[in-house]
Amino acid sequence: MGNFADYERLAQHVERTNAWEGFNYLVTAAFYEAVYRSFGDRFTIPEVISFIASRRAELNDPEADFDPRIAERLILAALGNGSVEGIDEWAKGHAQVSLLVAMVAHENLDDASVDDFLIEARKVANNTSTRS
């Protein structure tokens, strides 16, 4: 999950194999895991807004930029405070992936920690997809 180019390669693979449903579950689960790691149970809305602004300022790729209002709604919903109802699916997915890449990069995880993170996200994704 080093950068947006890694995501692009993965998305192209998913497109070729027509595995979008599983990919969407994995991205959403990884996003929720990253949000929880970044904010835990205690957070303030100003902290969320500051985090989003910082992440946008760190982006080196204009294509990875995202709508900060959507990002705020996504993070707050992941923390149990709000809803993503009515957000365009493309905009939601784009913001989730951009934030996910930024949150994981911000943690400076080593390879083993990234693997652990993805194992946890995959567990949640697998549980979610079997309940749907």
Protein backbone atom coordinates (compact mmCIF):
# COMPACT_ATOMS: atom_id res chain seq x y z
CA MET A 1 0.00 0.00 0.00
CA GLY A 2 2.93 2.27 -0.54
CA ASN A 3 1.32 4.65 -3.00
CA PHE A 4 -1.56 5.30 -5.36
CA ALA A 5 0.25 3.50 -8.20
CA ASP A 6 0.08 0.28 -6.15
CA TYR A 7 -3.67 0.74 -5.88
CA GLU A 8 -3.94 1.36 -9.62
CA ARG A 9 -2.14 -1.92 -10.38
CA LEU A 10 -4.41 -3.79 -7.98
CA ALA A 11 -7.51 -2.18 -9.46
CA GLN A 12 -6.41 -3.21 -12.96
CA HIS A 13 -5.98 -6.80 -11.76
CA VAL A 14 -9.42 -6.73 -10.16
CA GLU A 15 -10.88 -5.34 -13.39
CA ARG A 16 -9.29 -8.13 -15.46
CA THR A 17 -10.52 -10.83 -13.07
CA ASN A 18 -13.93 -9.23 -12.48
CA ALA A 19 -13.52 -9.47 -8.70
CA TRP A 20 -14.93 -6.03 -7.78
CA GLU A 21 -17.31 -7.23 -5.08
CA GLY A 22 -14.57 -8.85 -3.03
CA PHE A 23 -12.27 -5.91 -3.66
CA ASN A 24 -14.91 -3.46 -2.44
CA TYR A 25 -15.38 -5.45 0.76
CA LEU A 26 -11.62 -5.51 1.31
CA VAL A 27 -11.16 -1.77 0.68
CA THR A 28 -14.06 -0.90 2.99
CA ALA A 29 -12.81 -3.24 5.73
CA ALA A 30 -9.27 -1.88 5.40
CA PHE A 31 -10.62 1.68 5.50
CA TYR A 32 -12.56 1.00 8.70
CA GLU A 33 -9.51 -0.68 10.27
CA ALA A 34 -7.29 2.29 9.32
CA VAL A 35 -9.81 4.81 10.68
CA TYR A 36 -10.04 2.92 13.96
CA ARG A 37 -6.24 2.75 14.22
CA SER A 38 -5.99 6.47 13.50
CA PHE A 39 -8.75 7.65 15.84
CA GLY A 40 -9.76 4.81 18.18
CA ASP A 41 -12.84 5.29 20.29
CA ARG A 42 -12.04 8.89 21.19
CA PHE A 43 -11.97 11.61 18.61
CA THR A 44 -13.16 15.13 18.00
CA ILE A 45 -14.54 16.54 14.78
CA PRO A 46 -11.75 19.16 14.66
CA GLU A 47 -9.20 16.28 14.86
CA VAL A 48 -10.89 14.58 11.90
CA ILE A 49 -10.92 17.81 9.89
CA SER A 50 -7.26 18.50 10.72
CA PHE A 51 -6.31 14.95 9.78
CA ILE A 52 -8.06 15.26 6.40
CA ALA A 53 -6.42 18.60 5.68
CA SER A 54 -3.00 17.20 6.55
CA ARG A 55 -3.47 14.13 4.39
CA ARG A 56 -4.59 16.24 1.41
CA ALA A 57 -1.58 18.51 1.85
CA GLU A 58 0.75 15.47 1.78
CA LEU A 59 -0.63 14.08 -1.48
CA ASN A 60 1.81 14.25 -4.35
CA ASP A 61 -0.68 13.03 -6.93
CA PRO A 62 -3.55 15.34 -7.97
CA GLU A 63 -5.52 12.27 -9.10
CA ALA A 64 -5.42 10.97 -5.52
CA ASP A 65 -6.97 14.17 -4.10
CA PHE A 66 -10.47 13.82 -2.70
CA ASP A 67 -13.43 15.92 -1.58
CA PRO A 68 -12.80 16.83 2.07
CA ARG A 69 -16.54 16.92 2.89
CA ILE A 70 -16.94 13.35 1.65
CA ALA A 71 -13.81 12.30 3.52
CA GLU A 72 -15.16 13.78 6.74
CA ARG A 73 -18.47 11.97 6.33
CA LEU A 74 -16.70 8.68 5.59
CA ILE A 75 -14.43 8.89 8.62
CA LEU A 76 -17.20 9.98 10.95
CA ALA A 77 -19.48 7.18 9.69
CA ALA A 78 -16.67 4.66 10.24
CA LEU A 79 -16.45 5.96 13.80
CA GLY A 80 -20.20 5.48 14.29
CA ASN A 81 -21.10 9.14 13.98
CA GLY A 82 -23.01 9.78 10.79
CA SER A 83 -23.95 8.17 7.53
CA VAL A 84 -22.61 7.76 4.02
CA GLU A 85 -26.14 7.69 2.64
CA GLY A 86 -26.45 9.63 -0.59
CA ILE A 87 -22.73 9.87 -1.40
CA ASP A 88 -21.93 9.05 -5.01
CA GLU A 89 -20.35 5.57 -5.10
CA TRP A 90 -17.40 6.63 -7.27
CA ALA A 91 -16.63 9.63 -5.05
CA LYS A 92 -16.98 7.47 -1.94
CA GLY A 93 -14.64 4.80 -3.30
CA HIS A 94 -12.10 7.35 -4.50
CA ALA A 95 -12.02 9.12 -1.13
CA GLN A 96 -11.84 5.81 0.76
CA VAL A 97 -8.87 4.58 -1.25
CA SER A 98 -7.03 7.92 -1.10
CA LEU A 99 -7.57 8.18 2.65
CA LEU A 100 -6.67 4.53 3.18
CA VAL A 101 -3.37 4.92 1.33
CA ALA A 102 -2.64 8.11 3.29
CA MET A 103 -3.54 6.58 6.67
CA VAL A 104 -1.46 3.46 6.11
CA ALA A 105 1.49 5.49 4.79
CA HIS A 106 1.20 7.86 7.78
CA GLU A 107 1.64 4.92 10.17
CA ASN A 108 5.04 4.08 8.63
CA LEU A 109 4.33 0.37 8.88
CA ASP A 110 7.00 -2.16 8.09
CA ASP A 111 6.18 -5.06 5.75
CA ALA A 112 5.14 -7.38 8.60
CA SER A 113 2.83 -4.72 10.05
CA VAL A 114 1.25 -4.09 6.64
CA ASP A 115 0.68 -7.84 6.32
CA ASP A 116 -0.96 -7.90 9.78
CA PHE A 117 -3.12 -4.93 8.85
CA LEU A 118 -4.27 -6.63 5.64
CA ILE A 119 -4.95 -9.92 7.45
CA GLU A 120 -7.26 -8.09 9.86
CA ALA A 121 -8.98 -6.25 7.02
CA ARG A 122 -9.42 -9.49 5.04
CA LYS A 123 -11.03 -11.18 8.09
CA VAL A 124 -13.58 -8.38 8.33
CA ALA A 125 -14.14 -8.39 4.57
CA ASN A 126 -14.67 -12.15 4.51
CA ASN A 127 -17.13 -11.96 7.40
CA THR A 128 -18.99 -9.12 5.71
CA SER A 129 -19.21 -10.82 2.32
CA THR A 130 -20.56 -14.06 3.79
CA ARG A 131 -23.34 -12.17 5.60
CA SER A 132 -24.48 -10.31 2.48
